[in-house]
Amino acid sequence: MNENRPIGIAGAGSIGCFVGGMLAASGRRVALLARPRLVQEITAGGLHVTNFDGTEQRLAADRLTLSDDPSIFKDAQVVLVTVKSADTAGMAEMIARKAPADAVVVSLQNGVGNVPVLRAHLAGRSVLGGMVPFNVVGLGGGRFHRSTSGDIVIAQDDAGTAARLSVPGLAIRSTDNIDGVQWGKLIVNLNNALNALADIPLRQQLAQRNWRRLFADQMTEGLTAVRAEGIKPVSPTPLPSSWMPSLLRLPDGLFEMLLGRTMKIDPEARSSMWEDLQRGRRTEIDYLQGVITAIADRRGLDVPLSRRIIDLIRKAEAGGKGSPGLTPEQIRGA
């Protein structure tokens, strides 16, 4: 990779700032396109990225190119797209106008429909799908904390983009089945909404069997819908997606032992959708549970839990008071 050309972060929120910070800490040129508030925050105090394993990186603002002006992408070699799914088309149009035609565009977004949207607006350009398995929480003051484990995965290409982007502390692997990987992540991400409605840390949520049973039932609906489409999801964890509902229903002690061997979760980690509710932002529910209900509508499937969760998230969005702090029984409507 030509280190004289920067890596652009298109929509530097929590994931974008963490990834950009780790790349910059390893000596890469990084251009962060962010909202004016965040640009001011990092300009004033630098960028501080921390990890669940206790490691951290502090970068002075002059280690980065910071702006709310997309012209910072004028000589970008790679553009990493980290905006919410609803903003993909707008960001793609901006990249088409401002980034070089030879820049590789990589989607590091939730959901399964972003790459087709990017390609529709970036015809003739190299656009790669990606999957980020970990959570990042913005803690204010320019600090972004990675709270769960896992390696980024992006589609394999002839340029070896994954290996060229990988740096210490931020492993990036390639795959020849990014579609399966993204669908597998979507199934796991169905818990984002449950955690957002619960208003408790992920680790605390997963330690309780009633919450895990709810998640298992949600995953079962999702897997049924995905398989009806002929899709074979690839799990983002070492455990196959098909095993997960049964494993989630295990007694607390057995599940805790299994979780500890397969995934690291910070005690205070929460889902990005919880953060969206707390900050009064729109969530990505239409790109998670909404995908499952859309398949169900096409295939004539019954997915009442997915529909119930969408309704509860939309009610919380409209209320503007953050997470409602519901119990599993309240989410089920019992």
C-alpha atoms as a PDB file:
ATOM      1  CA  MET A   1       0.000   0.000   0.000  1.00  0.00           C
ATOM      2  CA  ASN A   2       1.267   3.459  -0.913  1.00  0.00           C
ATOM      3  CA  GLU A   3       1.683   5.120   2.483  1.00  0.00           C
ATOM      4  CA  ASN A   4       1.899   8.535   0.823  1.00  0.00           C
ATOM      5  CA  ARG A   5      -1.814   8.289   0.017  1.00  0.00           C
ATOM      6  CA  PRO A   6      -4.261   8.429   2.925  1.00  0.00           C
ATOM      7  CA  ILE A   7      -6.924   6.021   4.079  1.00  0.00           C
ATOM      8  CA  GLY A   8     -10.207   7.906   4.211  1.00  0.00           C
ATOM      9  CA  ILE A   9     -12.808   7.240   6.902  1.00  0.00           C
ATOM     10  CA  ALA A  10     -16.172   8.203   5.444  1.00  0.00           C
ATOM     11  CA  GLY A  11     -18.406   9.054   8.373  1.00  0.00           C
ATOM     12  CA  ALA A  12     -16.137   8.895  11.406  1.00  0.00           C
ATOM     13  CA  GLY A  13     -18.357   7.864  14.294  1.00  0.00           C
ATOM     14  CA  SER A  14     -17.459   5.268  16.918  1.00  0.00           C
ATOM     15  CA  ILE A  15     -16.287   2.499  14.551  1.00  0.00           C
ATOM     16  CA  GLY A  16     -14.661   4.944  12.131  1.00  0.00           C
ATOM     17  CA  CYS A  17     -12.715   6.770  14.831  1.00  0.00           C
ATOM     18  CA  PHE A  18     -11.495   3.558  16.429  1.00  0.00           C
ATOM     19  CA  VAL A  19     -10.401   2.016  13.131  1.00  0.00           C
ATOM     20  CA  GLY A  20      -8.880   5.289  11.955  1.00  0.00           C
ATOM     21  CA  GLY A  21      -7.074   5.751  15.244  1.00  0.00           C
ATOM     22  CA  MET A  22      -5.541   2.283  15.132  1.00  0.00           C
ATOM     23  CA  LEU A  23      -4.411   2.782  11.542  1.00  0.00           C
ATOM     24  CA  ALA A  24      -2.880   6.179  12.353  1.00  0.00           C
ATOM     25  CA  ALA A  25      -1.154   4.766  15.440  1.00  0.00           C
ATOM     26  CA  SER A  26       0.631   2.320  13.116  1.00  0.00           C
ATOM     27  CA  GLY A  27       1.934   5.138  10.931  1.00  0.00           C
ATOM     28  CA  ARG A  28      -0.730   5.185   8.220  1.00  0.00           C
ATOM     29  CA  ARG A  29      -1.979   8.494   6.861  1.00  0.00           C
ATOM     30  CA  VAL A  30      -5.633   8.786   7.864  1.00  0.00           C
ATOM     31  CA  ALA A  31      -8.261  11.332   6.800  1.00  0.00           C
ATOM     32  CA  LEU A  32     -11.326  11.421   9.051  1.00  0.00           C
ATOM     33  CA  LEU A  33     -14.523  12.902   7.602  1.00  0.00           C
ATOM     34  CA  ALA A  34     -16.630  13.730  10.657  1.00  0.00           C
ATOM     35  CA  ARG A  35     -19.300  16.056  11.988  1.00  0.00           C
ATOM     36  CA  PRO A  36     -18.043  19.493  13.078  1.00  0.00           C
ATOM     37  CA  ARG A  37     -18.621  18.660  16.763  1.00  0.00           C
ATOM     38  CA  LEU A  38     -16.340  15.649  16.590  1.00  0.00           C
ATOM     39  CA  VAL A  39     -13.728  17.499  14.538  1.00  0.00           C
ATOM     40  CA  GLN A  40     -13.613  20.177  17.240  1.00  0.00           C
ATOM     41  CA  GLU A  41     -13.458  17.568  20.000  1.00  0.00           C
ATOM     42  CA  ILE A  42     -10.490  15.720  18.504  1.00  0.00           C
ATOM     43  CA  THR A  43      -8.752  18.945  17.467  1.00  0.00           C
ATOM     44  CA  ALA A  44      -8.944  20.147  21.064  1.00  0.00           C
ATOM     45  CA  GLY A  45      -7.806  17.002  22.866  1.00  0.00           C
ATOM     46  CA  GLY A  46      -6.581  14.473  20.316  1.00  0.00           C
ATOM     47  CA  LEU A  47      -7.932  10.988  19.601  1.00  0.00           C
ATOM     48  CA  HIS A  48      -7.809   8.370  22.357  1.00  0.00           C
ATOM     49  CA  VAL A  49      -8.619   4.753  21.416  1.00  0.00           C
ATOM     50  CA  THR A  50      -8.783   2.073  24.090  1.00  0.00           C
ATOM     51  CA  ASN A  51      -9.328  -1.672  23.984  1.00  0.00           C
ATOM     52  CA  PHE A  52     -11.022  -4.301  26.147  1.00  0.00           C
ATOM     53  CA  ASP A  53      -7.599  -5.874  26.744  1.00  0.00           C
ATOM     54  CA  GLY A  54      -6.316  -2.703  28.419  1.00  0.00           C
ATOM     55  CA  THR A  55      -4.205  -1.403  25.545  1.00  0.00           C
ATOM     56  CA  GLU A  56      -4.599   2.181  24.371  1.00  0.00           C
ATOM     57  CA  GLN A  57      -3.346   4.688  21.829  1.00  0.00           C
ATOM     58  CA  ARG A  58      -3.279   8.460  22.209  1.00  0.00           C
ATOM     59  CA  LEU A  59      -2.869  10.500  19.039  1.00  0.00           C
ATOM     60  CA  ALA A  60      -2.407  14.228  18.808  1.00  0.00           C
ATOM     61  CA  ALA A  61      -4.747  15.888  16.325  1.00  0.00           C
ATOM     62  CA  ASP A  62      -1.857  16.612  13.959  1.00  0.00           C
ATOM     63  CA  ARG A  63      -1.403  12.857  13.443  1.00  0.00           C
ATOM     64  CA  LEU A  64      -4.682  12.911  11.473  1.00  0.00           C
ATOM     65  CA  THR A  65      -6.378  14.910   8.761  1.00  0.00           C
ATOM     66  CA  LEU A  66      -9.680  16.041  10.301  1.00  0.00           C
ATOM     67  CA  SER A  67     -12.490  17.787   8.477  1.00  0.00           C
ATOM     68  CA  ASP A  68     -16.198  17.924   7.731  1.00  0.00           C
ATOM     69  CA  ASP A  69     -15.223  18.721   4.122  1.00  0.00           C
ATOM     70  CA  PRO A  70     -15.112  15.635   1.835  1.00  0.00           C
ATOM     71  CA  SER A  71     -12.353  17.189  -0.257  1.00  0.00           C
ATOM     72  CA  ILE A  72      -9.939  15.526   2.219  1.00  0.00           C
ATOM     73  CA  PHE A  73     -10.491  12.382   0.124  1.00  0.00           C
ATOM     74  CA  LYS A  74      -9.032  13.912  -3.040  1.00  0.00           C
ATOM     75  CA  ASP A  75      -5.974  11.641  -2.992  1.00  0.00           C
ATOM     76  CA  ALA A  76      -7.303   8.733  -0.898  1.00  0.00           C
ATOM     77  CA  GLN A  77      -6.077   5.252  -1.765  1.00  0.00           C
ATOM     78  CA  VAL A  78      -8.795   3.502   0.254  1.00  0.00           C
ATOM     79  CA  VAL A  79     -12.094   4.841   1.607  1.00  0.00           C
ATOM     80  CA  LEU A  80     -13.646   2.979   4.531  1.00  0.00           C
ATOM     81  CA  VAL A  81     -17.390   3.645   4.731  1.00  0.00           C
ATOM     82  CA  THR A  82     -18.648   3.626   8.326  1.00  0.00           C
ATOM     83  CA  VAL A  83     -21.913   5.590   8.139  1.00  0.00           C
ATOM     84  CA  LYS A  84     -25.320   4.238   9.143  1.00  0.00           C
ATOM     85  CA  SER A  85     -27.027   2.202   6.431  1.00  0.00           C
ATOM     86  CA  ALA A  86     -29.630   4.900   5.743  1.00  0.00           C
ATOM     87  CA  ASP A  87     -26.820   7.303   4.819  1.00  0.00           C
ATOM     88  CA  THR A  88     -25.045   4.977   2.376  1.00  0.00           C
ATOM     89  CA  ALA A  89     -26.419   6.451  -0.856  1.00  0.00           C
ATOM     90  CA  GLY A  90     -25.549  10.007   0.148  1.00  0.00           C
ATOM     91  CA  MET A  91     -22.036   9.022   1.165  1.00  0.00           C
ATOM     92  CA  ALA A  92     -21.564   7.086  -2.078  1.00  0.00           C
ATOM     93  CA  GLU A  93     -22.475  10.155  -4.104  1.00  0.00           C
ATOM     94  CA  MET A  94     -19.955  12.200  -2.139  1.00  0.00           C
ATOM     95  CA  ILE A  95     -17.220   9.599  -2.708  1.00  0.00           C
ATOM     96  CA  ALA A  96     -18.012   9.584  -6.428  1.00  0.00           C
ATOM     97  CA  ARG A  97     -17.452  13.353  -6.549  1.00  0.00           C
ATOM     98  CA  LYS A  98     -14.482  13.711  -4.223  1.00  0.00           C
ATOM     99  CA  ALA A  99     -12.395  10.506  -4.159  1.00  0.00           C
ATOM    100  CA  PRO A 100     -10.059   9.309  -6.944  1.00  0.00           C
ATOM    101  CA  ALA A 101     -11.487   6.773  -9.380  1.00  0.00           C
ATOM    102  CA  ASP A 102      -8.842   4.226  -8.354  1.00  0.00           C
ATOM    103  CA  ALA A 103      -9.630   4.417  -4.617  1.00  0.00           C
ATOM    104  CA  VAL A 104     -10.827   1.094  -3.189  1.00  0.00           C
ATOM    105  CA  VAL A 105     -14.096   1.578  -1.300  1.00  0.00           C
ATOM    106  CA  VAL A 106     -14.768  -0.781   1.639  1.00  0.00           C
ATOM    107  CA  SER A 107     -18.081  -0.975   3.498  1.00  0.00           C
ATOM    108  CA  LEU A 108     -17.558  -1.474   7.245  1.00  0.00           C
ATOM    109  CA  GLN A 109     -21.262  -1.184   8.025  1.00  0.00           C
ATOM    110  CA  ASN A 110     -24.014  -3.206   9.645  1.00  0.00           C
ATOM    111  CA  GLY A 111     -26.536  -4.946   7.444  1.00  0.00           C
ATOM    112  CA  VAL A 112     -26.428  -6.753   4.122  1.00  0.00           C
ATOM    113  CA  GLY A 113     -27.596  -4.192   1.567  1.00  0.00           C
ATOM    114  CA  ASN A 114     -24.915  -1.513   1.620  1.00  0.00           C
ATOM    115  CA  VAL A 115     -22.546  -2.873  -1.027  1.00  0.00           C
ATOM    116  CA  PRO A 116     -25.178  -2.920  -3.805  1.00  0.00           C
ATOM    117  CA  VAL A 117     -26.064   0.694  -2.942  1.00  0.00           C
ATOM    118  CA  LEU A 118     -22.414   1.738  -3.055  1.00  0.00           C
ATOM    119  CA  ARG A 119     -21.846  -0.037  -6.368  1.00  0.00           C
ATOM    120  CA  ALA A 120     -24.915   1.574  -7.901  1.00  0.00           C
ATOM    121  CA  HIS A 121     -23.421   5.013  -7.229  1.00  0.00           C
ATOM    122  CA  LEU A 122     -19.792   4.041  -7.871  1.00  0.00           C
ATOM    123  CA  ALA A 123     -19.991   2.205 -11.177  1.00  0.00           C
ATOM    124  CA  GLY A 124     -16.652   0.932 -12.426  1.00  0.00           C
ATOM    125  CA  ARG A 125     -14.940   1.345  -9.062  1.00  0.00           C
ATOM    126  CA  SER A 126     -13.638  -1.329  -6.717  1.00  0.00           C
ATOM    127  CA  VAL A 127     -16.196  -1.746  -3.898  1.00  0.00           C
ATOM    128  CA  LEU A 128     -15.665  -4.411  -1.233  1.00  0.00           C
ATOM    129  CA  GLY A 129     -18.015  -5.656   1.448  1.00  0.00           C
ATOM    130  CA  GLY A 130     -16.781  -5.932   5.011  1.00  0.00           C
ATOM    131  CA  MET A 131     -17.827  -7.017   8.488  1.00  0.00           C
ATOM    132  CA  VAL A 132     -16.809  -5.520  11.838  1.00  0.00           C
ATOM    133  CA  PRO A 133     -17.522  -8.048  14.625  1.00  0.00           C
ATOM    134  CA  PHE A 134     -16.754  -5.826  17.591  1.00  0.00           C
ATOM    135  CA  ASN A 135     -18.532  -2.983  19.378  1.00  0.00           C
ATOM    136  CA  VAL A 136     -17.053   0.475  19.894  1.00  0.00           C
ATOM    137  CA  VAL A 137     -18.516   3.007  22.315  1.00  0.00           C
ATOM    138  CA  GLY A 138     -17.894   6.741  22.107  1.00  0.00           C
ATOM    139  CA  LEU A 139     -17.091   7.928  25.632  1.00  0.00           C
ATOM    140  CA  GLY A 140     -16.711  11.629  24.871  1.00  0.00           C
ATOM    141  CA  GLY A 141     -13.637  13.811  24.885  1.00  0.00           C
ATOM    142  CA  GLY A 142     -12.280  12.103  21.762  1.00  0.00           C
ATOM    143  CA  ARG A 143     -12.155   8.659  23.409  1.00  0.00           C
ATOM    144  CA  PHE A 144     -13.459   5.565  21.664  1.00  0.00           C
ATOM    145  CA  HIS A 145     -13.453   2.202  23.417  1.00  0.00           C
ATOM    146  CA  ARG A 146     -13.539  -1.203  21.750  1.00  0.00           C
ATOM    147  CA  SER A 147     -15.513  -3.447  24.082  1.00  0.00           C
ATOM    148  CA  THR A 148     -15.673  -6.871  22.380  1.00  0.00           C
ATOM    149  CA  SER A 149     -13.310  -9.158  20.498  1.00  0.00           C
ATOM    150  CA  GLY A 150     -13.066 -10.315  16.876  1.00  0.00           C
ATOM    151  CA  ASP A 151     -11.253  -9.521  13.627  1.00  0.00           C
ATOM    152  CA  ILE A 152     -12.550  -7.375  10.781  1.00  0.00           C
ATOM    153  CA  VAL A 153     -13.273  -9.388   7.625  1.00  0.00           C
ATOM    154  CA  ILE A 154     -13.460  -7.918   4.108  1.00  0.00           C
ATOM    155  CA  ALA A 155     -13.961  -9.410   0.672  1.00  0.00           C
ATOM    156  CA  GLN A 156     -10.916 -10.893  -0.994  1.00  0.00           C
ATOM    157  CA  ASP A 157      -9.574  -8.924  -3.959  1.00  0.00           C
ATOM    158  CA  ASP A 158      -6.584  -9.144  -6.311  1.00  0.00           C
ATOM    159  CA  ALA A 159      -4.916  -6.162  -4.617  1.00  0.00           C
ATOM    160  CA  GLY A 160      -4.824  -7.943  -1.242  1.00  0.00           C
ATOM    161  CA  THR A 161      -6.576  -5.009   0.418  1.00  0.00           C
ATOM    162  CA  ALA A 162      -7.293  -6.859   3.679  1.00  0.00           C
ATOM    163  CA  ALA A 163      -3.654  -7.744   4.328  1.00  0.00           C
ATOM    164  CA  ARG A 164      -2.493  -4.282   3.313  1.00  0.00           C
ATOM    165  CA  LEU A 165      -4.862  -2.618   5.772  1.00  0.00           C
ATOM    166  CA  SER A 166      -4.144  -4.959   8.681  1.00  0.00           C
ATOM    167  CA  VAL A 167      -2.027  -3.419  11.451  1.00  0.00           C
ATOM    168  CA  PRO A 168      -1.022  -4.452  14.991  1.00  0.00           C
ATOM    169  CA  GLY A 169      -4.069  -4.320  17.239  1.00  0.00           C
ATOM    170  CA  LEU A 170      -6.445  -4.242  14.261  1.00  0.00           C
ATOM    171  CA  ALA A 171      -6.363  -7.547  12.393  1.00  0.00           C
ATOM    172  CA  ILE A 172      -8.180  -7.563   9.048  1.00  0.00           C
ATOM    173  CA  ARG A 173      -8.779 -10.856   7.263  1.00  0.00           C
ATOM    174  CA  SER A 174     -10.075 -11.610   3.770  1.00  0.00           C
ATOM    175  CA  THR A 175     -12.819 -14.007   2.721  1.00  0.00           C
ATOM    176  CA  ASP A 176     -14.191 -15.314  -0.555  1.00  0.00           C
ATOM    177  CA  ASN A 177     -17.704 -15.422   0.958  1.00  0.00           C
ATOM    178  CA  ILE A 178     -18.364 -11.955   2.322  1.00  0.00           C
ATOM    179  CA  ASP A 179     -22.109 -12.326   1.657  1.00  0.00           C
ATOM    180  CA  GLY A 180     -22.308 -15.302   3.997  1.00  0.00           C
ATOM    181  CA  VAL A 181     -20.213 -13.478   6.594  1.00  0.00           C
ATOM    182  CA  GLN A 182     -22.473 -10.416   6.487  1.00  0.00           C
ATOM    183  CA  TRP A 183     -25.613 -12.515   6.839  1.00  0.00           C
ATOM    184  CA  GLY A 184     -24.045 -14.337   9.776  1.00  0.00           C
ATOM    185  CA  LYS A 185     -23.291 -10.997  11.436  1.00  0.00           C
ATOM    186  CA  LEU A 186     -26.848  -9.804  10.809  1.00  0.00           C
ATOM    187  CA  ILE A 187     -28.199 -12.830  12.697  1.00  0.00           C
ATOM    188  CA  VAL A 188     -25.956 -12.054  15.685  1.00  0.00           C
ATOM    189  CA  ASN A 189     -26.793  -8.344  15.426  1.00  0.00           C
ATOM    190  CA  LEU A 190     -30.452  -9.113  16.088  1.00  0.00           C
ATOM    191  CA  ASN A 191     -29.398  -8.826  19.730  1.00  0.00           C
ATOM    192  CA  ASN A 192     -28.544  -5.136  19.194  1.00  0.00           C
ATOM    193  CA  ALA A 193     -32.204  -4.223  19.561  1.00  0.00           C
ATOM    194  CA  LEU A 194     -32.712  -6.488  22.589  1.00  0.00           C
ATOM    195  CA  ASN A 195     -29.773  -4.870  24.348  1.00  0.00           C
ATOM    196  CA  ALA A 196     -31.047  -1.419  23.403  1.00  0.00           C
ATOM    197  CA  LEU A 197     -34.428  -2.203  24.946  1.00  0.00           C
ATOM    198  CA  ALA A 198     -32.893  -3.810  28.046  1.00  0.00           C
ATOM    199  CA  ASP A 199     -30.707  -0.878  29.157  1.00  0.00           C
ATOM    200  CA  ILE A 200     -28.149  -3.216  30.729  1.00  0.00           C
ATOM    201  CA  PRO A 201     -24.592  -4.129  29.640  1.00  0.00           C
ATOM    202  CA  LEU A 202     -24.225  -6.941  27.113  1.00  0.00           C
ATOM    203  CA  ARG A 203     -22.321  -9.168  29.485  1.00  0.00           C
ATOM    204  CA  GLN A 204     -25.011  -8.794  32.157  1.00  0.00           C
ATOM    205  CA  GLN A 205     -27.702  -9.475  29.583  1.00  0.00           C
ATOM    206  CA  LEU A 206     -26.024 -12.623  28.266  1.00  0.00           C
ATOM    207  CA  ALA A 207     -25.466 -13.892  31.814  1.00  0.00           C
ATOM    208  CA  GLN A 208     -29.242 -14.229  32.305  1.00  0.00           C
ATOM    209  CA  ARG A 209     -30.990 -17.245  30.822  1.00  0.00           C
ATOM    210  CA  ASN A 210     -34.299 -15.435  30.228  1.00  0.00           C
ATOM    211  CA  TRP A 211     -32.493 -12.885  28.048  1.00  0.00           C
ATOM    212  CA  ARG A 212     -30.606 -15.614  26.224  1.00  0.00           C
ATOM    213  CA  ARG A 213     -33.821 -17.541  25.547  1.00  0.00           C
ATOM    214  CA  LEU A 214     -35.289 -14.396  24.057  1.00  0.00           C
ATOM    215  CA  PHE A 215     -32.194 -13.932  21.894  1.00  0.00           C
ATOM    216  CA  ALA A 216     -32.359 -17.606  20.888  1.00  0.00           C
ATOM    217  CA  ASP A 217     -35.968 -17.239  19.766  1.00  0.00           C
ATOM    218  CA  GLN A 218     -35.034 -14.109  17.822  1.00  0.00           C
ATOM    219  CA  MET A 219     -32.122 -15.914  16.160  1.00  0.00           C
ATOM    220  CA  THR A 220     -34.405 -18.838  15.271  1.00  0.00           C
ATOM    221  CA  GLU A 221     -36.767 -16.486  13.444  1.00  0.00           C
ATOM    222  CA  GLY A 222     -33.822 -14.915  11.661  1.00  0.00           C
ATOM    223  CA  LEU A 223     -32.240 -18.206  10.642  1.00  0.00           C
ATOM    224  CA  THR A 224     -35.570 -19.533   9.367  1.00  0.00           C
ATOM    225  CA  ALA A 225     -36.002 -16.444   7.188  1.00  0.00           C
ATOM    226  CA  VAL A 226     -32.447 -16.476   5.877  1.00  0.00           C
ATOM    227  CA  ARG A 227     -32.590 -20.170   4.998  1.00  0.00           C
ATOM    228  CA  ALA A 228     -35.882 -19.623   3.179  1.00  0.00           C
ATOM    229  CA  GLU A 229     -33.903 -17.320   0.883  1.00  0.00           C
ATOM    230  CA  GLY A 230     -31.361 -20.066   0.239  1.00  0.00           C
ATOM    231  CA  ILE A 231     -28.641 -18.203   2.157  1.00  0.00           C
ATOM    232  CA  LYS A 232     -26.037 -20.006   4.264  1.00  0.00           C
ATOM    233  CA  PRO A 233     -24.859 -17.579   6.970  1.00  0.00           C
ATOM    234  CA  VAL A 234     -21.250 -17.746   8.153  1.00  0.00           C
ATOM    235  CA  SER A 235     -20.983 -17.136  11.890  1.00  0.00           C
ATOM    236  CA  PRO A 236     -18.740 -14.257  13.059  1.00  0.00           C
ATOM    237  CA  THR A 237     -17.870 -16.386  16.104  1.00  0.00           C
ATOM    238  CA  PRO A 238     -16.046 -19.743  16.222  1.00  0.00           C
ATOM    239  CA  LEU A 239     -19.446 -21.410  16.742  1.00  0.00           C
ATOM    240  CA  PRO A 240     -21.712 -22.221  13.749  1.00  0.00           C
ATOM    241  CA  SER A 241     -24.843 -20.071  13.479  1.00  0.00           C
ATOM    242  CA  SER A 242     -27.045 -23.182  13.552  1.00  0.00           C
ATOM    243  CA  TRP A 243     -25.714 -24.101  17.014  1.00  0.00           C
ATOM    244  CA  MET A 244     -26.303 -20.725  18.600  1.00  0.00           C
ATOM    245  CA  PRO A 245     -30.003 -20.938  19.589  1.00  0.00           C
ATOM    246  CA  SER A 246     -29.434 -24.216  21.454  1.00  0.00           C
ATOM    247  CA  LEU A 247     -26.257 -22.926  23.114  1.00  0.00           C
ATOM    248  CA  LEU A 248     -27.983 -19.730  24.225  1.00  0.00           C
ATOM    249  CA  ARG A 249     -30.588 -21.822  26.045  1.00  0.00           C
ATOM    250  CA  LEU A 250     -27.966 -23.641  28.155  1.00  0.00           C
ATOM    251  CA  PRO A 251     -27.892 -23.117  31.935  1.00  0.00           C
ATOM    252  CA  ASP A 252     -26.002 -20.015  33.051  1.00  0.00           C
ATOM    253  CA  GLY A 253     -22.821 -21.752  34.221  1.00  0.00           C
ATOM    254  CA  LEU A 254     -22.351 -23.783  31.063  1.00  0.00           C
ATOM    255  CA  PHE A 255     -23.025 -20.819  28.821  1.00  0.00           C
ATOM    256  CA  GLU A 256     -20.646 -18.555  30.740  1.00  0.00           C
ATOM    257  CA  MET A 257     -17.878 -21.139  30.337  1.00  0.00           C
ATOM    258  CA  LEU A 258     -18.574 -21.394  26.604  1.00  0.00           C
ATOM    259  CA  LEU A 259     -18.741 -17.623  26.098  1.00  0.00           C
ATOM    260  CA  GLY A 260     -15.450 -17.087  27.885  1.00  0.00           C
ATOM    261  CA  ARG A 261     -13.713 -19.454  25.472  1.00  0.00           C
ATOM    262  CA  THR A 262     -15.107 -17.914  22.288  1.00  0.00           C
ATOM    263  CA  MET A 263     -15.520 -14.170  22.873  1.00  0.00           C
ATOM    264  CA  LYS A 264     -14.255 -11.381  25.108  1.00  0.00           C
ATOM    265  CA  ILE A 265     -16.821  -8.811  26.260  1.00  0.00           C
ATOM    266  CA  ASP A 266     -16.056  -5.748  28.357  1.00  0.00           C
ATOM    267  CA  PRO A 267     -18.196  -5.562  31.533  1.00  0.00           C
ATOM    268  CA  GLU A 268     -19.753  -2.279  30.374  1.00  0.00           C
ATOM    269  CA  ALA A 269     -20.134  -3.091  26.652  1.00  0.00           C
ATOM    270  CA  ARG A 270     -23.480  -2.219  25.108  1.00  0.00           C
ATOM    271  CA  SER A 271     -24.889  -2.347  21.593  1.00  0.00           C
ATOM    272  CA  SER A 272     -24.613   0.512  19.129  1.00  0.00           C
ATOM    273  CA  MET A 273     -28.416   0.641  18.980  1.00  0.00           C
ATOM    274  CA  TRP A 274     -28.539   1.314  22.723  1.00  0.00           C
ATOM    275  CA  GLU A 275     -26.157   4.224  22.148  1.00  0.00           C
ATOM    276  CA  ASP A 276     -28.394   5.490  19.336  1.00  0.00           C
ATOM    277  CA  LEU A 277     -31.440   5.526  21.623  1.00  0.00           C
ATOM    278  CA  GLN A 278     -29.524   7.244  24.400  1.00  0.00           C
ATOM    279  CA  ARG A 279     -28.383   9.982  22.025  1.00  0.00           C
ATOM    280  CA  GLY A 280     -31.725  10.436  20.333  1.00  0.00           C
ATOM    281  CA  ARG A 281     -30.497   9.161  16.956  1.00  0.00           C
ATOM    282  CA  ARG A 282     -32.373   6.981  14.504  1.00  0.00           C
ATOM    283  CA  THR A 283     -31.457   3.328  14.790  1.00  0.00           C
ATOM    284  CA  GLU A 284     -30.707   0.717  12.124  1.00  0.00           C
ATOM    285  CA  ILE A 285     -33.692  -1.450  13.065  1.00  0.00           C
ATOM    286  CA  ASP A 286     -34.951  -1.437   9.451  1.00  0.00           C
ATOM    287  CA  TYR A 287     -31.619  -2.919   8.338  1.00  0.00           C
ATOM    288  CA  LEU A 288     -31.614  -5.669  10.978  1.00  0.00           C
ATOM    289  CA  GLN A 289     -35.012  -6.964  12.167  1.00  0.00           C
ATOM    290  CA  GLY A 290     -36.530  -5.126   9.200  1.00  0.00           C
ATOM    291  CA  VAL A 291     -34.632  -7.395   6.809  1.00  0.00           C
ATOM    292  CA  ILE A 292     -36.099 -10.458   8.542  1.00  0.00           C
ATOM    293  CA  THR A 293     -39.678  -9.163   8.362  1.00  0.00           C
ATOM    294  CA  ALA A 294     -39.214  -8.247   4.684  1.00  0.00           C
ATOM    295  CA  ILE A 295     -38.146 -11.826   3.908  1.00  0.00           C
ATOM    296  CA  ALA A 296     -41.069 -13.120   5.974  1.00  0.00           C
ATOM    297  CA  ASP A 297     -43.475 -11.000   3.942  1.00  0.00           C
ATOM    298  CA  ARG A 298     -42.080 -12.428   0.697  1.00  0.00           C
ATOM    299  CA  ARG A 299     -42.022 -16.016   1.921  1.00  0.00           C
ATOM    300  CA  GLY A 300     -45.199 -16.105   4.004  1.00  0.00           C
ATOM    301  CA  LEU A 301     -43.310 -16.763   7.259  1.00  0.00           C
ATOM    302  CA  ASP A 302     -44.468 -15.995  10.785  1.00  0.00           C
ATOM    303  CA  VAL A 303     -41.958 -13.795  12.655  1.00  0.00           C
ATOM    304  CA  PRO A 304     -43.976 -12.199  15.478  1.00  0.00           C
ATOM    305  CA  LEU A 305     -40.988 -11.515  17.735  1.00  0.00           C
ATOM    306  CA  SER A 306     -39.144  -9.591  15.034  1.00  0.00           C
ATOM    307  CA  ARG A 307     -42.251  -7.488  14.370  1.00  0.00           C
ATOM    308  CA  ARG A 308     -42.750  -6.855  18.088  1.00  0.00           C
ATOM    309  CA  ILE A 309     -39.136  -5.704  18.525  1.00  0.00           C
ATOM    310  CA  ILE A 310     -39.398  -3.313  15.570  1.00  0.00           C
ATOM    311  CA  ASP A 311     -42.509  -1.762  17.116  1.00  0.00           C
ATOM    312  CA  LEU A 312     -40.804  -1.363  20.508  1.00  0.00           C
ATOM    313  CA  ILE A 313     -37.691   0.252  19.008  1.00  0.00           C
ATOM    314  CA  ARG A 314     -39.764   2.667  16.944  1.00  0.00           C
ATOM    315  CA  LYS A 315     -41.761   3.588  20.035  1.00  0.00           C
ATOM    316  CA  ALA A 316     -38.502   4.244  21.918  1.00  0.00           C
ATOM    317  CA  GLU A 317     -37.181   6.346  19.016  1.00  0.00           C
ATOM    318  CA  ALA A 318     -40.367   8.411  18.968  1.00  0.00           C
ATOM    319  CA  GLY A 319     -40.311   8.845  22.748  1.00  0.00           C
ATOM    320  CA  GLY A 320     -36.809  10.292  22.663  1.00  0.00           C
ATOM    321  CA  LYS A 321     -36.074   9.249  26.264  1.00  0.00           C
ATOM    322  CA  GLY A 322     -33.395   6.644  25.607  1.00  0.00           C
ATOM    323  CA  SER A 323     -33.736   2.963  26.419  1.00  0.00           C
ATOM    324  CA  PRO A 324     -37.055   1.967  28.014  1.00  0.00           C
ATOM    325  CA  GLY A 325     -35.349  -0.638  30.236  1.00  0.00           C
ATOM    326  CA  LEU A 326     -37.731  -3.498  29.456  1.00  0.00           C
ATOM    327  CA  THR A 327     -37.656  -7.070  30.750  1.00  0.00           C
ATOM    328  CA  PRO A 328     -37.652 -10.142  28.484  1.00  0.00           C
ATOM    329  CA  GLU A 329     -41.290 -10.723  29.413  1.00  0.00           C
ATOM    330  CA  GLN A 330     -42.253  -7.168  28.466  1.00  0.00           C
ATOM    331  CA  ILE A 331     -40.474  -7.508  25.118  1.00  0.00           C
ATOM    332  CA  ARG A 332     -42.344 -10.735  24.416  1.00  0.00           C
ATOM    333  CA  GLY A 333     -45.584  -8.949  25.279  1.00  0.00           C
ATOM    334  CA  ALA A 334     -46.427 -11.474  27.980  1.00  0.00           C
END
